[in-house]
Amino acid sequence: MSFLHVKGPFCRNCGLSVFRDMTAKTLIGGWWGYVSFIITPITVLINLTRHAKVAGLAAPMPPPGGLPYQRPADPGAPLLTRPIAIIGAMVPLLLLVLVIAVNLGG
C-alpha cells in the first residue's frame, strides 16, 4: 500500500488533470490488499470532496507582462469515461458477485 500526494499551486486544468489521473490509478490499483480494500473507497470519497475545490479554481491565464509560464495540462477525459477507472470501479462489484456465487453454490 502506498499513499501519493501532489502539492500545488494548480490552475483548474492542471488540478483536474492530476485529480483524474490519480483517482483513476487509485480505482485500478487500490483494491489489492486486505487493508487497502477498506482504505480505497475512503480515499476515493476524499478525492471526490476535493474535486469541487479543484473544479472551482481559476481558469489558466498567462501572467501579465508576457512573463514566461508553463502551458497548463490537458485535463483529459472525465474520470468515469476512462477505461481504467471503469474497470477499477468494477473490481469490488465483481468480487461481491463472486462471493455471493460461491456462497449460493456451496
PDB file of N, CA and C in Angstrom:
ATOM      1  N   MET A   1       0.856  -1.169   0.000  1.00  0.00           N
ATOM      2  CA  MET A   1       0.000   0.000   0.000  1.00  0.00           C
ATOM      3  C   MET A   1       0.900   1.229   0.000  1.00  0.00           C
ATOM      4  N   SER A   2       0.513   2.213  -0.768  1.00  0.00           N
ATOM      5  CA  SER A   2       1.252   3.466  -0.775  1.00  0.00           C
ATOM      6  C   SER A   2       0.268   4.619  -0.885  1.00  0.00           C
ATOM      7  N   PHE A   3       0.650   5.736  -0.328  1.00  0.00           N
ATOM      8  CA  PHE A   3      -0.166   6.942  -0.387  1.00  0.00           C
ATOM      9  C   PHE A   3       0.607   7.984  -1.181  1.00  0.00           C
ATOM     10  N   LEU A   4      -0.028   8.532  -2.202  1.00  0.00           N
ATOM     11  CA  LEU A   4       0.610   9.561  -3.017  1.00  0.00           C
ATOM     12  C   LEU A   4      -0.107  10.880  -2.791  1.00  0.00           C
ATOM     13  N   HIS A   5       0.652  11.938  -2.819  1.00  0.00           N
ATOM     14  CA  HIS A   5       0.103  13.270  -2.589  1.00  0.00           C
ATOM     15  C   HIS A   5       0.833  14.228  -3.519  1.00  0.00           C
ATOM     16  N   VAL A   6       0.084  15.079  -4.197  1.00  0.00           N
ATOM     17  CA  VAL A   6       0.677  16.055  -5.099  1.00  0.00           C
ATOM     18  C   VAL A   6       0.308  17.441  -4.589  1.00  0.00           C
ATOM     19  N   LYS A   7       1.327  18.259  -4.370  1.00  0.00           N
ATOM     20  CA  LYS A   7       1.084  19.620  -3.898  1.00  0.00           C
ATOM     21  C   LYS A   7       1.097  20.590  -5.065  1.00  0.00           C
ATOM     22  N   GLY A   8       0.281  21.642  -4.953  1.00  0.00           N
ATOM     23  CA  GLY A   8       0.171  22.660  -5.989  1.00  0.00           C
ATOM     24  C   GLY A   8       1.062  23.829  -5.680  1.00  0.00           C
ATOM     25  N   PRO A   9       0.840  24.951  -6.258  1.00  0.00           N
ATOM     26  CA  PRO A   9      -0.430  25.505  -6.722  1.00  0.00           C
ATOM     27  C   PRO A   9      -0.796  25.009  -8.121  1.00  0.00           C
ATOM     28  N   PHE A  10      -2.103  24.933  -8.352  1.00  0.00           N
ATOM     29  CA  PHE A  10      -2.627  24.472  -9.625  1.00  0.00           C
ATOM     30  C   PHE A  10      -3.630  25.474 -10.177  1.00  0.00           C
ATOM     31  N   CYS A  11      -3.683  25.533 -11.482  1.00  0.00           N
ATOM     32  CA  CYS A  11      -4.819  26.189 -12.124  1.00  0.00           C
ATOM     33  C   CYS A  11      -5.893  25.105 -12.238  1.00  0.00           C
ATOM     34  N   ARG A  12      -7.049  25.449 -12.711  1.00  0.00           N
ATOM     35  CA  ARG A  12      -8.144  24.481 -12.821  1.00  0.00           C
ATOM     36  C   ARG A  12      -7.757  23.298 -13.712  1.00  0.00           C
ATOM     37  N   ASN A  13      -7.188  23.567 -14.881  1.00  0.00           N
ATOM     38  CA  ASN A  13      -6.859  22.484 -15.807  1.00  0.00           C
ATOM     39  C   ASN A  13      -5.837  21.520 -15.222  1.00  0.00           C
ATOM     40  N   CYS A  14      -4.785  22.051 -14.619  1.00  0.00           N
ATOM     41  CA  CYS A  14      -3.750  21.197 -14.037  1.00  0.00           C
ATOM     42  C   CYS A  14      -4.304  20.406 -12.851  1.00  0.00           C
ATOM     43  N   GLY A  15      -5.112  21.045 -12.030  1.00  0.00           N
ATOM     44  CA  GLY A  15      -5.723  20.368 -10.883  1.00  0.00           C
ATOM     45  C   GLY A  15      -6.638  19.247 -11.319  1.00  0.00           C
ATOM     46  N   LEU A  16      -7.453  19.482 -12.345  1.00  0.00           N
ATOM     47  CA  LEU A  16      -8.350  18.427 -12.848  1.00  0.00           C
ATOM     48  C   LEU A  16      -7.553  17.281 -13.460  1.00  0.00           C
ATOM     49  N   SER A  17      -6.475  17.613 -14.147  1.00  0.00           N
ATOM     50  CA  SER A  17      -5.633  16.575 -14.740  1.00  0.00           C
ATOM     51  C   SER A  17      -5.061  15.660 -13.663  1.00  0.00           C
ATOM     52  N   VAL A  18      -4.515  16.245 -12.607  1.00  0.00           N
ATOM     53  CA  VAL A  18      -3.936  15.467 -11.510  1.00  0.00           C
ATOM     54  C   VAL A  18      -5.030  14.672 -10.797  1.00  0.00           C
ATOM     55  N   PHE A  19      -6.167  15.300 -10.512  1.00  0.00           N
ATOM     56  CA  PHE A  19      -7.273  14.626  -9.837  1.00  0.00           C
ATOM     57  C   PHE A  19      -7.730  13.402 -10.622  1.00  0.00           C
ATOM     58  N   ARG A  20      -7.973  13.574 -11.912  1.00  0.00           N
ATOM     59  CA  ARG A  20      -8.491  12.476 -12.733  1.00  0.00           C
ATOM     60  C   ARG A  20      -7.482  11.346 -12.849  1.00  0.00           C
ATOM     61  N   ASP A  21      -6.221  11.690 -13.046  1.00  0.00           N
ATOM     62  CA  ASP A  21      -5.189  10.674 -13.190  1.00  0.00           C
ATOM     63  C   ASP A  21      -4.997   9.880 -11.898  1.00  0.00           C
ATOM     64  N   MET A  22      -4.879  10.582 -10.789  1.00  0.00           N
ATOM     65  CA  MET A  22      -4.616   9.892  -9.520  1.00  0.00           C
ATOM     66  C   MET A  22      -5.826   9.093  -9.042  1.00  0.00           C
ATOM     67  N   THR A  23      -7.031   9.602  -9.248  1.00  0.00           N
ATOM     68  CA  THR A  23      -8.217   8.858  -8.823  1.00  0.00           C
ATOM     69  C   THR A  23      -8.393   7.609  -9.675  1.00  0.00           C
ATOM     70  N   ALA A  24      -8.132   7.703 -10.968  1.00  0.00           N
ATOM     71  CA  ALA A  24      -8.216   6.519 -11.839  1.00  0.00           C
ATOM     72  C   ALA A  24      -7.196   5.472 -11.409  1.00  0.00           C
ATOM     73  N   LYS A  25      -5.978   5.893 -11.078  1.00  0.00           N
ATOM     74  CA  LYS A  25      -4.959   4.953 -10.616  1.00  0.00           C
ATOM     75  C   LYS A  25      -5.356   4.321  -9.280  1.00  0.00           C
ATOM     76  N   THR A  26      -5.984   5.090  -8.413  1.00  0.00           N
ATOM     77  CA  THR A  26      -6.455   4.549  -7.138  1.00  0.00           C
ATOM     78  C   THR A  26      -7.524   3.491  -7.380  1.00  0.00           C
ATOM     79  N   LEU A  27      -8.426   3.754  -8.309  1.00  0.00           N
ATOM     80  CA  LEU A  27      -9.504   2.804  -8.588  1.00  0.00           C
ATOM     81  C   LEU A  27      -8.984   1.490  -9.163  1.00  0.00           C
ATOM     82  N   ILE A  28      -7.942   1.526  -9.958  1.00  0.00           N
ATOM     83  CA  ILE A  28      -7.437   0.287 -10.550  1.00  0.00           C
ATOM     84  C   ILE A  28      -6.447  -0.425  -9.628  1.00  0.00           C
ATOM     85  N   GLY A  29      -5.681   0.313  -8.856  1.00  0.00           N
ATOM     86  CA  GLY A  29      -4.628  -0.319  -8.068  1.00  0.00           C
ATOM     87  C   GLY A  29      -4.844  -0.352  -6.578  1.00  0.00           C
ATOM     88  N   GLY A  30      -5.938   0.207  -6.111  1.00  0.00           N
ATOM     89  CA  GLY A  30      -6.120   0.340  -4.669  1.00  0.00           C
ATOM     90  C   GLY A  30      -6.764  -0.829  -3.960  1.00  0.00           C
ATOM     91  N   TRP A  31      -7.243  -1.825  -4.678  1.00  0.00           N
ATOM     92  CA  TRP A  31      -8.032  -2.899  -4.060  1.00  0.00           C
ATOM     93  C   TRP A  31      -7.214  -4.097  -3.633  1.00  0.00           C
ATOM     94  N   TRP A  32      -5.932  -4.142  -3.924  1.00  0.00           N
ATOM     95  CA  TRP A  32      -5.174  -5.380  -3.847  1.00  0.00           C
ATOM     96  C   TRP A  32      -4.495  -5.593  -2.492  1.00  0.00           C
ATOM     97  N   GLY A  33      -5.254  -5.604  -1.441  1.00  0.00           N
ATOM     98  CA  GLY A  33      -4.770  -5.898  -0.091  1.00  0.00           C
ATOM     99  C   GLY A  33      -5.938  -5.824   0.868  1.00  0.00           C
ATOM    100  N   TYR A  34      -5.830  -6.505   1.986  1.00  0.00           N
ATOM    101  CA  TYR A  34      -6.949  -6.526   2.938  1.00  0.00           C
ATOM    102  C   TYR A  34      -7.275  -5.127   3.457  1.00  0.00           C
ATOM    103  N   VAL A  35      -6.262  -4.427   3.912  1.00  0.00           N
ATOM    104  CA  VAL A  35      -6.481  -3.074   4.437  1.00  0.00           C
ATOM    105  C   VAL A  35      -6.788  -2.113   3.287  1.00  0.00           C
ATOM    106  N   SER A  36      -6.105  -2.304   2.172  1.00  0.00           N
ATOM    107  CA  SER A  36      -6.329  -1.440   1.005  1.00  0.00           C
ATOM    108  C   SER A  36      -7.765  -1.514   0.519  1.00  0.00           C
ATOM    109  N   PHE A  37      -8.376  -2.682   0.641  1.00  0.00           N
ATOM    110  CA  PHE A  37      -9.759  -2.851   0.197  1.00  0.00           C
ATOM    111  C   PHE A  37     -10.705  -1.963   1.009  1.00  0.00           C
ATOM    112  N   ILE A  38     -10.337  -1.667   2.242  1.00  0.00           N
ATOM    113  CA  ILE A  38     -11.124  -0.773   3.100  1.00  0.00           C
ATOM    114  C   ILE A  38     -10.746   0.687   2.847  1.00  0.00           C
ATOM    115  N   ILE A  39      -9.458   0.947   2.676  1.00  0.00           N
ATOM    116  CA  ILE A  39      -8.953   2.314   2.537  1.00  0.00           C
ATOM    117  C   ILE A  39      -9.308   2.925   1.182  1.00  0.00           C
ATOM    118  N   THR A  40      -9.346   2.127   0.125  1.00  0.00           N
ATOM    119  CA  THR A  40      -9.589   2.657  -1.220  1.00  0.00           C
ATOM    120  C   THR A  40     -10.891   3.440  -1.341  1.00  0.00           C
ATOM    121  N   PRO A  41     -12.039   2.908  -0.895  1.00  0.00           N
ATOM    122  CA  PRO A  41     -13.267   3.712  -1.018  1.00  0.00           C
ATOM    123  C   PRO A  41     -13.199   5.017  -0.222  1.00  0.00           C
ATOM    124  N   ILE A  42     -12.533   4.987   0.925  1.00  0.00           N
ATOM    125  CA  ILE A  42     -12.386   6.197   1.731  1.00  0.00           C
ATOM    126  C   ILE A  42     -11.538   7.216   0.965  1.00  0.00           C
ATOM    127  N   THR A  43     -10.458   6.752   0.365  1.00  0.00           N
ATOM    128  CA  THR A  43      -9.588   7.637  -0.419  1.00  0.00           C
ATOM    129  C   THR A  43     -10.336   8.242  -1.595  1.00  0.00           C
ATOM    130  N   VAL A  44     -11.122   7.427  -2.290  1.00  0.00           N
ATOM    131  CA  VAL A  44     -11.884   7.928  -3.435  1.00  0.00           C
ATOM    132  C   VAL A  44     -12.896   8.976  -2.972  1.00  0.00           C
ATOM    133  N   LEU A  45     -13.559   8.743  -1.845  1.00  0.00           N
ATOM    134  CA  LEU A  45     -14.511   9.731  -1.319  1.00  0.00           C
ATOM    135  C   LEU A  45     -13.811  11.034  -0.951  1.00  0.00           C
ATOM    136  N   ILE A  46     -12.643  10.942  -0.347  1.00  0.00           N
ATOM    137  CA  ILE A  46     -11.873  12.151  -0.020  1.00  0.00           C
ATOM    138  C   ILE A  46     -11.516  12.895  -1.303  1.00  0.00           C
ATOM    139  N   ASN A  47     -11.060  12.150  -2.318  1.00  0.00           N
ATOM    140  CA  ASN A  47     -10.729  12.781  -3.602  1.00  0.00           C
ATOM    141  C   ASN A  47     -11.945  13.466  -4.214  1.00  0.00           C
ATOM    142  N   LEU A  48     -13.108  12.830  -4.115  1.00  0.00           N
ATOM    143  CA  LEU A  48     -14.318  13.420  -4.696  1.00  0.00           C
ATOM    144  C   LEU A  48     -14.715  14.706  -3.981  1.00  0.00           C
ATOM    145  N   THR A  49     -14.504  14.777  -2.668  1.00  0.00           N
ATOM    146  CA  THR A  49     -14.818  16.017  -1.956  1.00  0.00           C
ATOM    147  C   THR A  49     -13.856  17.130  -2.371  1.00  0.00           C
ATOM    148  N   ARG A  50     -12.639  16.759  -2.707  1.00  0.00           N
ATOM    149  CA  ARG A  50     -11.658  17.760  -3.152  1.00  0.00           C
ATOM    150  C   ARG A  50     -11.886  18.172  -4.604  1.00  0.00           C
ATOM    151  N   HIS A  51     -12.609  17.369  -5.351  1.00  0.00           N
ATOM    152  CA  HIS A  51     -12.883  17.679  -6.761  1.00  0.00           C
ATOM    153  C   HIS A  51     -13.597  19.018  -6.900  1.00  0.00           C
ATOM    154  N   ALA A  52     -14.577  19.282  -6.034  1.00  0.00           N
ATOM    155  CA  ALA A  52     -15.324  20.544  -6.117  1.00  0.00           C
ATOM    156  C   ALA A  52     -14.387  21.735  -5.938  1.00  0.00           C
ATOM    157  N   LYS A  53     -13.443  21.608  -5.039  1.00  0.00           N
ATOM    158  CA  LYS A  53     -12.481  22.686  -4.808  1.00  0.00           C
ATOM    159  C   LYS A  53     -11.602  22.890  -6.038  1.00  0.00           C
ATOM    160  N   VAL A  54     -11.158  21.798  -6.626  1.00  0.00           N
ATOM    161  CA  VAL A  54     -10.301  21.876  -7.818  1.00  0.00           C
ATOM    162  C   VAL A  54     -11.086  22.460  -8.990  1.00  0.00           C
ATOM    163  N   ALA A  55     -12.326  22.000  -9.179  1.00  0.00           N
ATOM    164  CA  ALA A  55     -13.140  22.477 -10.298  1.00  0.00           C
ATOM    165  C   ALA A  55     -13.453  23.971 -10.159  1.00  0.00           C
ATOM    166  N   GLY A  56     -13.404  24.496  -8.947  1.00  0.00           N
ATOM    167  CA  GLY A  56     -13.685  25.907  -8.718  1.00  0.00           C
ATOM    168  C   GLY A  56     -12.473  26.814  -8.841  1.00  0.00           C
ATOM    169  N   LEU A  57     -11.321  26.248  -9.157  1.00  0.00           N
ATOM    170  CA  LEU A  57     -10.121  27.067  -9.315  1.00  0.00           C
ATOM    171  C   LEU A  57     -10.242  27.956 -10.549  1.00  0.00           C
ATOM    172  N   ALA A  58      -9.420  28.974 -10.572  1.00  0.00           N
ATOM    173  CA  ALA A  58      -9.430  29.908 -11.702  1.00  0.00           C
ATOM    174  C   ALA A  58      -8.942  29.223 -12.974  1.00  0.00           C
ATOM    175  N   ALA A  59      -9.495  29.666 -14.090  1.00  0.00           N
ATOM    176  CA  ALA A  59      -9.051  29.160 -15.386  1.00  0.00           C
ATOM    177  C   ALA A  59      -7.599  29.568 -15.614  1.00  0.00           C
ATOM    178  N   PRO A  60      -6.852  28.773 -16.364  1.00  0.00           N
ATOM    179  CA  PRO A  60      -5.454  29.131 -16.606  1.00  0.00           C
ATOM    180  C   PRO A  60      -5.338  30.405 -17.429  1.00  0.00           C
ATOM    181  N   MET A  61      -4.392  31.247 -17.016  1.00  0.00           N
ATOM    182  CA  MET A  61      -4.153  32.513 -17.719  1.00  0.00           C
ATOM    183  C   MET A  61      -2.655  32.766 -17.746  1.00  0.00           C
ATOM    184  N   PRO A  62      -2.149  33.305 -18.840  1.00  0.00           N
ATOM    185  CA  PRO A  62      -0.728  33.678 -18.835  1.00  0.00           C
ATOM    186  C   PRO A  62      -0.501  34.838 -17.868  1.00  0.00           C
ATOM    187  N   PRO A  63       0.656  34.909 -17.264  1.00  0.00           N
ATOM    188  CA  PRO A  63       0.929  36.007 -16.338  1.00  0.00           C
ATOM    189  C   PRO A  63       0.981  37.343 -17.083  1.00  0.00           C
ATOM    190  N   PRO A  64       0.688  38.428 -16.382  1.00  0.00           N
ATOM    191  CA  PRO A  64       0.737  39.747 -17.034  1.00  0.00           C
ATOM    192  C   PRO A  64       2.165  40.103 -17.428  1.00  0.00           C
ATOM    193  N   GLY A  65       2.283  40.921 -18.437  1.00  0.00           N
ATOM    194  CA  GLY A  65       3.586  41.419 -18.857  1.00  0.00           C
ATOM    195  C   GLY A  65       4.363  40.457 -19.729  1.00  0.00           C
ATOM    196  N   GLY A  66       3.725  39.393 -20.198  1.00  0.00           N
ATOM    197  CA  GLY A  66       4.396  38.460 -21.097  1.00  0.00           C
ATOM    198  C   GLY A  66       5.483  37.634 -20.441  1.00  0.00           C
ATOM    199  N   LEU A  67       5.421  37.462 -19.120  1.00  0.00           N
ATOM    200  CA  LEU A  67       6.408  36.635 -18.420  1.00  0.00           C
ATOM    201  C   LEU A  67       6.286  35.191 -18.885  1.00  0.00           C
ATOM    202  N   PRO A  68       7.392  34.442 -18.867  1.00  0.00           N
ATOM    203  CA  PRO A  68       7.312  33.039 -19.288  1.00  0.00           C
ATOM    204  C   PRO A  68       6.483  32.222 -18.293  1.00  0.00           C
ATOM    205  N   TYR A  69       5.791  31.247 -18.812  1.00  0.00           N
ATOM    206  CA  TYR A  69       4.994  30.370 -17.964  1.00  0.00           C
ATOM    207  C   TYR A  69       4.887  29.003 -18.614  1.00  0.00           C
ATOM    208  N   GLN A  70       4.512  28.024 -17.807  1.00  0.00           N
ATOM    209  CA  GLN A  70       4.335  26.669 -18.306  1.00  0.00           C
ATOM    210  C   GLN A  70       2.899  26.511 -18.804  1.00  0.00           C
ATOM    211  N   ARG A  71       2.745  25.908 -19.955  1.00  0.00           N
ATOM    212  CA  ARG A  71       1.420  25.681 -20.538  1.00  0.00           C
ATOM    213  C   ARG A  71       0.617  24.776 -19.605  1.00  0.00           C
ATOM    214  N   PRO A  72      -0.667  25.075 -19.369  1.00  0.00           N
ATOM    215  CA  PRO A  72      -1.493  24.242 -18.489  1.00  0.00           C
ATOM    216  C   PRO A  72      -1.646  22.822 -19.036  1.00  0.00           C
ATOM    217  N   ALA A  73      -1.805  21.884 -18.126  1.00  0.00           N
ATOM    218  CA  ALA A  73      -2.017  20.485 -18.515  1.00  0.00           C
ATOM    219  C   ALA A  73      -3.413  20.320 -19.116  1.00  0.00           C
ATOM    220  N   ASP A  74      -3.538  19.349 -19.992  1.00  0.00           N
ATOM    221  CA  ASP A  74      -4.839  18.995 -20.544  1.00  0.00           C
ATOM    222  C   ASP A  74      -5.550  18.147 -19.489  1.00  0.00           C
ATOM    223  N   PRO A  75      -6.747  18.561 -19.029  1.00  0.00           N
ATOM    224  CA  PRO A  75      -7.427  17.778 -18.005  1.00  0.00           C
ATOM    225  C   PRO A  75      -7.838  16.390 -18.480  1.00  0.00           C
ATOM    226  N   GLY A  76      -7.883  16.177 -19.778  1.00  0.00           N
ATOM    227  CA  GLY A  76      -8.218  14.859 -20.305  1.00  0.00           C
ATOM    228  C   GLY A  76      -9.688  14.530 -20.148  1.00  0.00           C
ATOM    229  N   ALA A  77      -9.991  13.277 -20.411  1.00  0.00           N
ATOM    230  CA  ALA A  77     -11.378  12.803 -20.348  1.00  0.00           C
ATOM    231  C   ALA A  77     -11.876  12.802 -18.905  1.00  0.00           C
ATOM    232  N   PRO A  78     -13.186  13.011 -18.710  1.00  0.00           N
ATOM    233  CA  PRO A  78     -13.743  12.905 -17.359  1.00  0.00           C
ATOM    234  C   PRO A  78     -13.435  11.535 -16.748  1.00  0.00           C
ATOM    235  N   LEU A  79     -13.388  11.485 -15.448  1.00  0.00           N
ATOM    236  CA  LEU A  79     -12.976  10.286 -14.726  1.00  0.00           C
ATOM    237  C   LEU A  79     -13.785   9.054 -15.127  1.00  0.00           C
ATOM    238  N   LEU A  80     -15.092   9.168 -15.147  1.00  0.00           N
ATOM    239  CA  LEU A  80     -15.929   7.996 -15.388  1.00  0.00           C
ATOM    240  C   LEU A  80     -16.035   7.605 -16.856  1.00  0.00           C
ATOM    241  N   THR A  81     -15.291   8.271 -17.731  1.00  0.00           N
ATOM    242  CA  THR A  81     -15.223   7.837 -19.123  1.00  0.00           C
ATOM    243  C   THR A  81     -13.870   7.204 -19.436  1.00  0.00           C
ATOM    244  N   ARG A  82     -13.012   7.113 -18.447  1.00  0.00           N
ATOM    245  CA  ARG A  82     -11.695   6.498 -18.631  1.00  0.00           C
ATOM    246  C   ARG A  82     -11.806   4.999 -18.371  1.00  0.00           C
ATOM    247  N   PRO A  83     -11.381   4.178 -19.318  1.00  0.00           N
ATOM    248  CA  PRO A  83     -11.498   2.724 -19.135  1.00  0.00           C
ATOM    249  C   PRO A  83     -10.851   2.220 -17.848  1.00  0.00           C
ATOM    250  N   ILE A  84      -9.691   2.760 -17.475  1.00  0.00           N
ATOM    251  CA  ILE A  84      -9.011   2.297 -16.262  1.00  0.00           C
ATOM    252  C   ILE A  84      -9.866   2.560 -15.016  1.00  0.00           C
ATOM    253  N   ALA A  85     -10.575   3.676 -14.989  1.00  0.00           N
ATOM    254  CA  ALA A  85     -11.431   3.993 -13.843  1.00  0.00           C
ATOM    255  C   ALA A  85     -12.666   3.099 -13.822  1.00  0.00           C
ATOM    256  N   ILE A  86     -13.230   2.824 -14.983  1.00  0.00           N
ATOM    257  CA  ILE A  86     -14.423   1.966 -15.058  1.00  0.00           C
ATOM    258  C   ILE A  86     -14.071   0.550 -14.604  1.00  0.00           C
ATOM    259  N   ILE A  87     -12.956   0.022 -15.109  1.00  0.00           N
ATOM    260  CA  ILE A  87     -12.524  -1.319 -14.704  1.00  0.00           C
ATOM    261  C   ILE A  87     -12.220  -1.347 -13.215  1.00  0.00           C
ATOM    262  N   GLY A  88     -11.531  -0.331 -12.723  1.00  0.00           N
ATOM    263  CA  GLY A  88     -11.200  -0.267 -11.303  1.00  0.00           C
ATOM    264  C   GLY A  88     -12.424  -0.183 -10.416  1.00  0.00           C
ATOM    265  N   ALA A  89     -13.454   0.532 -10.858  1.00  0.00           N
ATOM    266  CA  ALA A  89     -14.680   0.634 -10.069  1.00  0.00           C
ATOM    267  C   ALA A  89     -15.455  -0.685 -10.072  1.00  0.00           C
ATOM    268  N   MET A  90     -15.241  -1.506 -11.089  1.00  0.00           N
ATOM    269  CA  MET A  90     -15.954  -2.790 -11.159  1.00  0.00           C
ATOM    270  C   MET A  90     -15.306  -3.871 -10.298  1.00  0.00           C
ATOM    271  N   VAL A  91     -14.056  -3.707  -9.889  1.00  0.00           N
ATOM    272  CA  VAL A  91     -13.349  -4.727  -9.115  1.00  0.00           C
ATOM    273  C   VAL A  91     -14.124  -5.130  -7.869  1.00  0.00           C
ATOM    274  N   PRO A  92     -14.542  -4.194  -6.995  1.00  0.00           N
ATOM    275  CA  PRO A  92     -15.262  -4.641  -5.799  1.00  0.00           C
ATOM    276  C   PRO A  92     -16.621  -5.263  -6.145  1.00  0.00           C
ATOM    277  N   LEU A  93     -17.255  -4.791  -7.199  1.00  0.00           N
ATOM    278  CA  LEU A  93     -18.538  -5.375  -7.597  1.00  0.00           C
ATOM    279  C   LEU A  93     -18.362  -6.822  -8.070  1.00  0.00           C
ATOM    280  N   LEU A  94     -17.335  -7.070  -8.841  1.00  0.00           N
ATOM    281  CA  LEU A  94     -17.069  -8.425  -9.303  1.00  0.00           C
ATOM    282  C   LEU A  94     -16.703  -9.352  -8.150  1.00  0.00           C
ATOM    283  N   LEU A  95     -15.949  -8.859  -7.198  1.00  0.00           N
ATOM    284  CA  LEU A  95     -15.613  -9.663  -6.023  1.00  0.00           C
ATOM    285  C   LEU A  95     -16.852  -9.980  -5.201  1.00  0.00           C
ATOM    286  N   LEU A  96     -17.754  -9.031  -5.079  1.00  0.00           N
ATOM    287  CA  LEU A  96     -19.002  -9.264  -4.355  1.00  0.00           C
ATOM    288  C   LEU A  96     -19.840 -10.325  -5.062  1.00  0.00           C
ATOM    289  N   VAL A  97     -19.949 -10.240  -6.367  1.00  0.00           N
ATOM    290  CA  VAL A  97     -20.685 -11.251  -7.139  1.00  0.00           C
ATOM    291  C   VAL A  97     -20.044 -12.623  -6.960  1.00  0.00           C
ATOM    292  N   LEU A  98     -18.717 -12.682  -6.974  1.00  0.00           N
ATOM    293  CA  LEU A  98     -18.010 -13.941  -6.775  1.00  0.00           C
ATOM    294  C   LEU A  98     -18.292 -14.531  -5.397  1.00  0.00           C
ATOM    295  N   VAL A  99     -18.261 -13.715  -4.370  1.00  0.00           N
ATOM    296  CA  VAL A  99     -18.529 -14.191  -3.009  1.00  0.00           C
ATOM    297  C   VAL A  99     -19.971 -14.712  -2.905  1.00  0.00           C
ATOM    298  N   ILE A 100     -20.917 -14.001  -3.479  1.00  0.00           N
ATOM    299  CA  ILE A 100     -22.315 -14.437  -3.446  1.00  0.00           C
ATOM    300  C   ILE A 100     -22.488 -15.741  -4.209  1.00  0.00           C
ATOM    301  N   ALA A 101     -21.849 -15.853  -5.375  1.00  0.00           N
ATOM    302  CA  ALA A 101     -21.968 -17.075  -6.180  1.00  0.00           C
ATOM    303  C   ALA A 101     -21.376 -18.264  -5.447  1.00  0.00           C
ATOM    304  N   VAL A 102     -20.237 -18.090  -4.776  1.00  0.00           N
ATOM    305  CA  VAL A 102     -19.613 -19.179  -4.043  1.00  0.00           C
ATOM    306  C   VAL A 102     -20.488 -19.596  -2.874  1.00  0.00           C
ATOM    307  N   ASN A 103     -21.066 -18.629  -2.171  1.00  0.00           N
ATOM    308  CA  ASN A 103     -21.916 -18.940  -1.015  1.00  0.00           C
ATOM    309  C   ASN A 103     -23.226 -19.594  -1.415  1.00  0.00           C
ATOM    310  N   LEU A 104     -23.803 -19.191  -2.531  1.00  0.00           N
ATOM    311  CA  LEU A 104     -25.050 -19.799  -3.003  1.00  0.00           C
ATOM    312  C   LEU A 104     -24.814 -21.179  -3.587  1.00  0.00           C
ATOM    313  N   GLY A 105     -23.655 -21.381  -4.176  1.00  0.00           N
ATOM    314  CA  GLY A 105     -23.344 -22.657  -4.800  1.00  0.00           C
ATOM    315  C   GLY A 105     -22.921 -23.718  -3.803  1.00  0.00           C
ATOM    316  N   GLY A 106     -22.513 -23.311  -2.626  1.00  0.00           N
ATOM    317  CA  GLY A 106     -21.969 -24.261  -1.643  1.00  0.00           C
ATOM    318  C   GLY A 106     -22.897 -24.697  -0.627  1.00  0.00           C
TER     319      GLY A 106
END
